[in-house]
Amino acid sequence: MLNPTLKKVEPLPDYKLKLLYENGELKIFDVKPYISGDWYGMLKDKDYFNTVHIISSGTGIEWLDGQDIAPHELYELSSTK
């Protein structure tokens, strides 16, 4: 099953993302478990973390240097708060 298309991503405090999907679902994804190592560790910088954006297809998100999180993880591991 395909995940709904993302319409909006908003960085939140404490390394969380607010995700709005085309079907109206609003979800919160916690990025903290991913922030380690040289590549994803860059996300610890709040200014850099805030550069998150939706990729052109609307299937996922990424940061300026290409860090991303798999679309199915974003959708399935998010809470519905």
PDB file of N, CA and C in Angstrom:
ATOM      1  N   MET A   1       0.836  -1.188   0.000  1.00  0.00           N
ATOM      2  CA  MET A   1       0.000   0.000   0.000  1.00  0.00           C
ATOM      3  C   MET A   1       0.878   1.248   0.000  1.00  0.00           C
ATOM      4  N   LEU A   2       0.534   2.189  -0.829  1.00  0.00           N
ATOM      5  CA  LEU A   2       1.273   3.436  -0.888  1.00  0.00           C
ATOM      6  C   LEU A   2       0.827   4.370   0.223  1.00  0.00           C
ATOM      7  N   ASN A   3       1.791   5.100   0.747  1.00  0.00           N
ATOM      8  CA  ASN A   3       1.476   6.102   1.764  1.00  0.00           C
ATOM      9  C   ASN A   3       0.859   7.315   1.102  1.00  0.00           C
ATOM     10  N   PRO A   4       0.021   8.070   1.815  1.00  0.00           N
ATOM     11  CA  PRO A   4      -0.506   9.316   1.250  1.00  0.00           C
ATOM     12  C   PRO A   4       0.633  10.298   0.970  1.00  0.00           C
ATOM     13  N   THR A   5       0.396  11.209   0.066  1.00  0.00           N
ATOM     14  CA  THR A   5       1.372  12.231  -0.287  1.00  0.00           C
ATOM     15  C   THR A   5       1.463  13.271   0.818  1.00  0.00           C
ATOM     16  N   LEU A   6       2.686  13.703   1.103  1.00  0.00           N
ATOM     17  CA  LEU A   6       2.900  14.777   2.075  1.00  0.00           C
ATOM     18  C   LEU A   6       2.533  16.118   1.463  1.00  0.00           C
ATOM     19  N   LYS A   7       1.858  16.928   2.224  1.00  0.00           N
ATOM     20  CA  LYS A   7       1.506  18.279   1.781  1.00  0.00           C
ATOM     21  C   LYS A   7       2.312  19.348   2.504  1.00  0.00           C
ATOM     22  N   LYS A   8       2.743  19.033   3.751  1.00  0.00           N
ATOM     23  CA  LYS A   8       3.477  20.030   4.532  1.00  0.00           C
ATOM     24  C   LYS A   8       4.327  19.328   5.571  1.00  0.00           C
ATOM     25  N   VAL A   9       5.527  19.865   5.791  1.00  0.00           N
ATOM     26  CA  VAL A   9       6.389  19.419   6.885  1.00  0.00           C
ATOM     27  C   VAL A   9       6.815  20.658   7.653  1.00  0.00           C
ATOM     28  N   GLU A  10       6.758  20.566   8.965  1.00  0.00           N
ATOM     29  CA  GLU A  10       7.131  21.693   9.816  1.00  0.00           C
ATOM     30  C   GLU A  10       8.043  21.189  10.939  1.00  0.00           C
ATOM     31  N   PRO A  11       9.254  21.754  11.041  1.00  0.00           N
ATOM     32  CA  PRO A  11      10.123  21.361  12.150  1.00  0.00           C
ATOM     33  C   PRO A  11       9.569  21.884  13.474  1.00  0.00           C
ATOM     34  N   LEU A  12       9.646  21.044  14.493  1.00  0.00           N
ATOM     35  CA  LEU A  12       9.169  21.396  15.825  1.00  0.00           C
ATOM     36  C   LEU A  12      10.338  21.322  16.811  1.00  0.00           C
ATOM     37  N   PRO A  13      10.156  21.873  18.004  1.00  0.00           N
ATOM     38  CA  PRO A  13      11.199  21.736  19.021  1.00  0.00           C
ATOM     39  C   PRO A  13      11.459  20.266  19.351  1.00  0.00           C
ATOM     40  N   ASP A  14      12.605  20.018  19.925  1.00  0.00           N
ATOM     41  CA  ASP A  14      12.990  18.685  20.394  1.00  0.00           C
ATOM     42  C   ASP A  14      13.124  17.678  19.252  1.00  0.00           C
ATOM     43  N   TYR A  15      13.538  18.145  18.086  1.00  0.00           N
ATOM     44  CA  TYR A  15      13.823  17.294  16.921  1.00  0.00           C
ATOM     45  C   TYR A  15      12.618  16.472  16.471  1.00  0.00           C
ATOM     46  N   LYS A  16      11.485  17.139  16.392  1.00  0.00           N
ATOM     47  CA  LYS A  16      10.280  16.482  15.888  1.00  0.00           C
ATOM     48  C   LYS A  16       9.807  17.202  14.636  1.00  0.00           C
ATOM     49  N   LEU A  17       9.045  16.478  13.831  1.00  0.00           N
ATOM     50  CA  LEU A  17       8.479  17.035  12.612  1.00  0.00           C
ATOM     51  C   LEU A  17       6.971  16.873  12.633  1.00  0.00           C
ATOM     52  N   LYS A  18       6.265  17.928  12.252  1.00  0.00           N
ATOM     53  CA  LYS A  18       4.822  17.860  12.065  1.00  0.00           C
ATOM     54  C   LYS A  18       4.591  17.582  10.589  1.00  0.00           C
ATOM     55  N   LEU A  19       3.851  16.525  10.294  1.00  0.00           N
ATOM     56  CA  LEU A  19       3.609  16.097   8.925  1.00  0.00           C
ATOM     57  C   LEU A  19       2.122  16.179   8.611  1.00  0.00           C
ATOM     58  N   LEU A  20       1.787  16.858   7.529  1.00  0.00           N
ATOM     59  CA  LEU A  20       0.404  16.925   7.075  1.00  0.00           C
ATOM     60  C   LEU A  20       0.316  16.186   5.751  1.00  0.00           C
ATOM     61  N   TYR A  21      -0.573  15.208   5.691  1.00  0.00           N
ATOM     62  CA  TYR A  21      -0.743  14.382   4.495  1.00  0.00           C
ATOM     63  C   TYR A  21      -1.975  14.803   3.712  1.00  0.00           C
ATOM     64  N   GLU A  22      -2.001  14.425   2.431  1.00  0.00           N
ATOM     65  CA  GLU A  22      -3.090  14.812   1.528  1.00  0.00           C
ATOM     66  C   GLU A  22      -4.463  14.336   2.009  1.00  0.00           C
ATOM     67  N   ASN A  23      -4.496  13.272   2.786  1.00  0.00           N
ATOM     68  CA  ASN A  23      -5.769  12.738   3.273  1.00  0.00           C
ATOM     69  C   ASN A  23      -6.242  13.433   4.555  1.00  0.00           C
ATOM     70  N   GLY A  24      -5.514  14.479   4.969  1.00  0.00           N
ATOM     71  CA  GLY A  24      -5.887  15.248   6.147  1.00  0.00           C
ATOM     72  C   GLY A  24      -5.238  14.773   7.439  1.00  0.00           C
ATOM     73  N   GLU A  25      -4.530  13.651   7.385  1.00  0.00           N
ATOM     74  CA  GLU A  25      -3.868  13.159   8.593  1.00  0.00           C
ATOM     75  C   GLU A  25      -2.752  14.100   9.016  1.00  0.00           C
ATOM     76  N   LEU A  26      -2.683  14.350  10.307  1.00  0.00           N
ATOM     77  CA  LEU A  26      -1.627  15.153  10.902  1.00  0.00           C
ATOM     78  C   LEU A  26      -0.850  14.230  11.832  1.00  0.00           C
ATOM     79  N   LYS A  27       0.455  14.120  11.605  1.00  0.00           N
ATOM     80  CA  LYS A  27       1.277  13.208  12.390  1.00  0.00           C
ATOM     81  C   LYS A  27       2.515  13.922  12.907  1.00  0.00           C
ATOM     82  N   ILE A  28       3.085  13.376  13.981  1.00  0.00           N
ATOM     83  CA  ILE A  28       4.315  13.894  14.564  1.00  0.00           C
ATOM     84  C   ILE A  28       5.368  12.788  14.502  1.00  0.00           C
ATOM     85  N   PHE A  29       6.515  13.108  13.919  1.00  0.00           N
ATOM     86  CA  PHE A  29       7.610  12.142  13.792  1.00  0.00           C
ATOM     87  C   PHE A  29       8.788  12.606  14.634  1.00  0.00           C
ATOM     88  N   ASP A  30       9.310  11.709  15.452  1.00  0.00           N
ATOM     89  CA  ASP A  30      10.460  12.001  16.310  1.00  0.00           C
ATOM     90  C   ASP A  30      11.742  11.611  15.579  1.00  0.00           C
ATOM     91  N   VAL A  31      12.577  12.592  15.275  1.00  0.00           N
ATOM     92  CA  VAL A  31      13.815  12.360  14.531  1.00  0.00           C
ATOM     93  C   VAL A  31      14.976  11.992  15.458  1.00  0.00           C
ATOM     94  N   LYS A  32      14.843  12.224  16.759  1.00  0.00           N
ATOM     95  CA  LYS A  32      15.951  11.997  17.704  1.00  0.00           C
ATOM     96  C   LYS A  32      16.640  10.639  17.552  1.00  0.00           C
ATOM     97  N   PRO A  33      15.910   9.535  17.386  1.00  0.00           N
ATOM     98  CA  PRO A  33      16.596   8.242  17.265  1.00  0.00           C
ATOM     99  C   PRO A  33      17.504   8.132  16.029  1.00  0.00           C
ATOM    100  N   TYR A  34      17.343   9.012  15.077  1.00  0.00           N
ATOM    101  CA  TYR A  34      18.119   8.967  13.835  1.00  0.00           C
ATOM    102  C   TYR A  34      19.368   9.838  13.888  1.00  0.00           C
ATOM    103  N   ILE A  35      19.441  10.737  14.864  1.00  0.00           N
ATOM    104  CA  ILE A  35      20.509  11.732  14.894  1.00  0.00           C
ATOM    105  C   ILE A  35      21.758  11.167  15.563  1.00  0.00           C
ATOM    106  N   SER A  36      22.604  10.562  14.745  1.00  0.00           N
ATOM    107  CA  SER A  36      23.894  10.068  15.241  1.00  0.00           C
ATOM    108  C   SER A  36      24.837   9.914  14.051  1.00  0.00           C
ATOM    109  N   GLY A  37      26.106   9.804  14.336  1.00  0.00           N
ATOM    110  CA  GLY A  37      27.101   9.647  13.284  1.00  0.00           C
ATOM    111  C   GLY A  37      27.380  10.940  12.549  1.00  0.00           C
ATOM    112  N   ASP A  38      28.281  10.865  11.601  1.00  0.00           N
ATOM    113  CA  ASP A  38      28.677  12.056  10.843  1.00  0.00           C
ATOM    114  C   ASP A  38      27.559  12.577   9.945  1.00  0.00           C
ATOM    115  N   TRP A  39      26.845  11.672   9.298  1.00  0.00           N
ATOM    116  CA  TRP A  39      25.840  12.068   8.304  1.00  0.00           C
ATOM    117  C   TRP A  39      24.586  12.628   8.958  1.00  0.00           C
ATOM    118  N   TYR A  40      23.916  11.846   9.776  1.00  0.00           N
ATOM    119  CA  TYR A  40      22.688  12.308  10.421  1.00  0.00           C
ATOM    120  C   TYR A  40      22.969  13.191  11.634  1.00  0.00           C
ATOM    121  N   GLY A  41      24.184  13.135  12.162  1.00  0.00           N
ATOM    122  CA  GLY A  41      24.557  13.986  13.288  1.00  0.00           C
ATOM    123  C   GLY A  41      24.463  15.467  12.960  1.00  0.00           C
ATOM    124  N   MET A  42      24.533  15.795  11.662  1.00  0.00           N
ATOM    125  CA  MET A  42      24.392  17.198  11.241  1.00  0.00           C
ATOM    126  C   MET A  42      23.038  17.772  11.651  1.00  0.00           C
ATOM    127  N   LEU A  43      22.066  16.892  11.848  1.00  0.00           N
ATOM    128  CA  LEU A  43      20.723  17.350  12.205  1.00  0.00           C
ATOM    129  C   LEU A  43      20.650  17.910  13.616  1.00  0.00           C
ATOM    130  N   LYS A  44      21.685  17.692  14.421  1.00  0.00           N
ATOM    131  CA  LYS A  44      21.720  18.247  15.777  1.00  0.00           C
ATOM    132  C   LYS A  44      21.750  19.769  15.760  1.00  0.00           C
ATOM    133  N   ASP A  45      22.279  20.320  14.691  1.00  0.00           N
ATOM    134  CA  ASP A  45      22.305  21.774  14.526  1.00  0.00           C
ATOM    135  C   ASP A  45      20.877  22.232  14.226  1.00  0.00           C
ATOM    136  N   LYS A  46      20.295  22.980  15.143  1.00  0.00           N
ATOM    137  CA  LYS A  46      18.891  23.383  15.011  1.00  0.00           C
ATOM    138  C   LYS A  46      18.615  24.149  13.718  1.00  0.00           C
ATOM    139  N   ASP A  47      19.532  25.036  13.339  1.00  0.00           N
ATOM    140  CA  ASP A  47      19.324  25.793  12.106  1.00  0.00           C
ATOM    141  C   ASP A  47      19.289  24.859  10.899  1.00  0.00           C
ATOM    142  N   TYR A  48      20.185  23.881  10.897  1.00  0.00           N
ATOM    143  CA  TYR A  48      20.203  22.917   9.803  1.00  0.00           C
ATOM    144  C   TYR A  48      18.961  22.031   9.850  1.00  0.00           C
ATOM    145  N   PHE A  49      18.585  21.571  11.036  1.00  0.00           N
ATOM    146  CA  PHE A  49      17.386  20.745  11.189  1.00  0.00           C
ATOM    147  C   PHE A  49      16.168  21.447  10.592  1.00  0.00           C
ATOM    148  N   ASN A  50      16.102  22.753  10.786  1.00  0.00           N
ATOM    149  CA  ASN A  50      14.964  23.539  10.311  1.00  0.00           C
ATOM    150  C   ASN A  50      14.911  23.705   8.801  1.00  0.00           C
ATOM    151  N   THR A  51      15.924  23.221   8.070  1.00  0.00           N
ATOM    152  CA  THR A  51      15.909  23.310   6.602  1.00  0.00           C
ATOM    153  C   THR A  51      15.146  22.149   5.968  1.00  0.00           C
ATOM    154  N   VAL A  52      14.529  21.300   6.765  1.00  0.00           N
ATOM    155  CA  VAL A  52      13.790  20.155   6.236  1.00  0.00           C
ATOM    156  C   VAL A  52      12.738  20.622   5.230  1.00  0.00           C
ATOM    157  N   HIS A  53      12.566  19.840   4.178  1.00  0.00           N
ATOM    158  CA  HIS A  53      11.573  20.173   3.161  1.00  0.00           C
ATOM    159  C   HIS A  53      11.054  18.892   2.506  1.00  0.00           C
ATOM    160  N   ILE A  54       9.927  19.006   1.844  1.00  0.00           N
ATOM    161  CA  ILE A  54       9.328  17.882   1.128  1.00  0.00           C
ATOM    162  C   ILE A  54      10.038  17.720  -0.202  1.00  0.00           C
ATOM    163  N   ILE A  55      10.342  16.473  -0.575  1.00  0.00           N
ATOM    164  CA  ILE A  55      10.929  16.244  -1.895  1.00  0.00           C
ATOM    165  C   ILE A  55       9.846  16.461  -2.947  1.00  0.00           C
ATOM    166  N   SER A  56      10.260  16.721  -4.175  1.00  0.00           N
ATOM    167  CA  SER A  56       9.339  17.164  -5.219  1.00  0.00           C
ATOM    168  C   SER A  56       8.169  16.222  -5.472  1.00  0.00           C
ATOM    169  N   SER A  57       8.347  14.935  -5.271  1.00  0.00           N
ATOM    170  CA  SER A  57       7.251  13.984  -5.516  1.00  0.00           C
ATOM    171  C   SER A  57       6.228  13.970  -4.387  1.00  0.00           C
ATOM    172  N   GLY A  58       6.579  14.561  -3.234  1.00  0.00           N
ATOM    173  CA  GLY A  58       5.686  14.575  -2.094  1.00  0.00           C
ATOM    174  C   GLY A  58       5.681  13.272  -1.312  1.00  0.00           C
ATOM    175  N   THR A  59       6.584  12.374  -1.663  1.00  0.00           N
ATOM    176  CA  THR A  59       6.595  11.076  -0.986  1.00  0.00           C
ATOM    177  C   THR A  59       7.438  11.070   0.275  1.00  0.00           C
ATOM    178  N   GLY A  60       8.301  12.061   0.463  1.00  0.00           N
ATOM    179  CA  GLY A  60       9.167  12.067   1.633  1.00  0.00           C
ATOM    180  C   GLY A  60       9.749  13.433   1.901  1.00  0.00           C
ATOM    181  N   ILE A  61      10.705  13.449   2.834  1.00  0.00           N
ATOM    182  CA  ILE A  61      11.354  14.693   3.231  1.00  0.00           C
ATOM    183  C   ILE A  61      12.860  14.519   3.141  1.00  0.00           C
ATOM    184  N   GLU A  62      13.543  15.658   3.108  1.00  0.00           N
ATOM    185  CA  GLU A  62      15.000  15.628   3.134  1.00  0.00           C
ATOM    186  C   GLU A  62      15.525  16.954   3.653  1.00  0.00           C
ATOM    187  N   TRP A  63      16.821  16.956   3.951  1.00  0.00           N
ATOM    188  CA  TRP A  63      17.522  18.165   4.368  1.00  0.00           C
ATOM    189  C   TRP A  63      18.475  18.573   3.263  1.00  0.00           C
ATOM    190  N   LEU A  64      19.101  19.740   3.399  1.00  0.00           N
ATOM    191  CA  LEU A  64      19.906  20.337   2.329  1.00  0.00           C
ATOM    192  C   LEU A  64      21.021  19.457   1.792  1.00  0.00           C
ATOM    193  N   ASP A  65      21.680  18.696   2.651  1.00  0.00           N
ATOM    194  CA  ASP A  65      22.781  17.855   2.181  1.00  0.00           C
ATOM    195  C   ASP A  65      22.334  16.450   1.791  1.00  0.00           C
ATOM    196  N   GLY A  66      21.028  16.196   1.785  1.00  0.00           N
ATOM    197  CA  GLY A  66      20.515  14.926   1.293  1.00  0.00           C
ATOM    198  C   GLY A  66      20.087  13.925   2.345  1.00  0.00           C
ATOM    199  N   GLN A  67      20.235  14.242   3.620  1.00  0.00           N
ATOM    200  CA  GLN A  67      19.729  13.331   4.643  1.00  0.00           C
ATOM    201  C   GLN A  67      18.219  13.188   4.441  1.00  0.00           C
ATOM    202  N   ASP A  68      17.743  11.965   4.572  1.00  0.00           N
ATOM    203  CA  ASP A  68      16.318  11.740   4.423  1.00  0.00           C
ATOM    204  C   ASP A  68      15.871  10.610   5.338  1.00  0.00           C
ATOM    205  N   ILE A  69      14.586  10.442   5.424  1.00  0.00           N
ATOM    206  CA  ILE A  69      13.997   9.348   6.193  1.00  0.00           C
ATOM    207  C   ILE A  69      12.995   8.679   5.266  1.00  0.00           C
ATOM    208  N   ALA A  70      13.044   7.360   5.223  1.00  0.00           N
ATOM    209  CA  ALA A  70      12.181   6.606   4.310  1.00  0.00           C
ATOM    210  C   ALA A  70      10.713   6.986   4.516  1.00  0.00           C
ATOM    211  N   PRO A  71       9.987   7.180   3.416  1.00  0.00           N
ATOM    212  CA  PRO A  71       8.577   7.578   3.527  1.00  0.00           C
ATOM    213  C   PRO A  71       7.743   6.632   4.373  1.00  0.00           C
ATOM    214  N   HIS A  72       7.970   5.329   4.283  1.00  0.00           N
ATOM    215  CA  HIS A  72       7.164   4.396   5.074  1.00  0.00           C
ATOM    216  C   HIS A  72       7.475   4.543   6.567  1.00  0.00           C
ATOM    217  N   GLU A  73       8.724   4.879   6.912  1.00  0.00           N
ATOM    218  CA  GLU A  73       9.058   5.114   8.318  1.00  0.00           C
ATOM    219  C   GLU A  73       8.370   6.373   8.826  1.00  0.00           C
ATOM    220  N   LEU A  74       8.409   7.431   8.015  1.00  0.00           N
ATOM    221  CA  LEU A  74       7.731   8.674   8.407  1.00  0.00           C
ATOM    222  C   LEU A  74       6.266   8.413   8.726  1.00  0.00           C
ATOM    223  N   TYR A  75       5.615   7.683   7.851  1.00  0.00           N
ATOM    224  CA  TYR A  75       4.177   7.467   7.998  1.00  0.00           C
ATOM    225  C   TYR A  75       3.860   6.471   9.116  1.00  0.00           C
ATOM    226  N   GLU A  76       4.539   5.346   9.114  1.00  0.00           N
ATOM    227  CA  GLU A  76       4.205   4.263  10.038  1.00  0.00           C
ATOM    228  C   GLU A  76       4.679   4.506  11.462  1.00  0.00           C
ATOM    229  N   LEU A  77       5.783   5.235  11.628  1.00  0.00           N
ATOM    230  CA  LEU A  77       6.354   5.427  12.966  1.00  0.00           C
ATOM    231  C   LEU A  77       5.992   6.763  13.602  1.00  0.00           C
ATOM    232  N   SER A  78       5.114   7.515  12.965  1.00  0.00           N
ATOM    233  CA  SER A  78       4.663   8.798  13.502  1.00  0.00           C
ATOM    234  C   SER A  78       3.482   8.595  14.437  1.00  0.00           C
ATOM    235  N   SER A  79       3.375   9.498  15.395  1.00  0.00           N
ATOM    236  CA  SER A  79       2.201   9.479  16.265  1.00  0.00           C
ATOM    237  C   SER A  79       1.132  10.405  15.669  1.00  0.00           C
ATOM    238  N   THR A  80      -0.077  10.234  16.080  1.00  0.00           N
ATOM    239  CA  THR A  80      -1.179  11.030  15.542  1.00  0.00           C
ATOM    240  C   THR A  80      -1.649  12.061  16.552  1.00  0.00           C
ATOM    241  N   LYS A  81      -0.736  12.935  16.960  1.00  0.00           N
ATOM    242  CA  LYS A  81      -1.066  13.972  17.932  1.00  0.00           C
ATOM    243  C   LYS A  81      -1.330  15.262  17.252  1.00  0.00           C
TER     244      LYS A  81
END
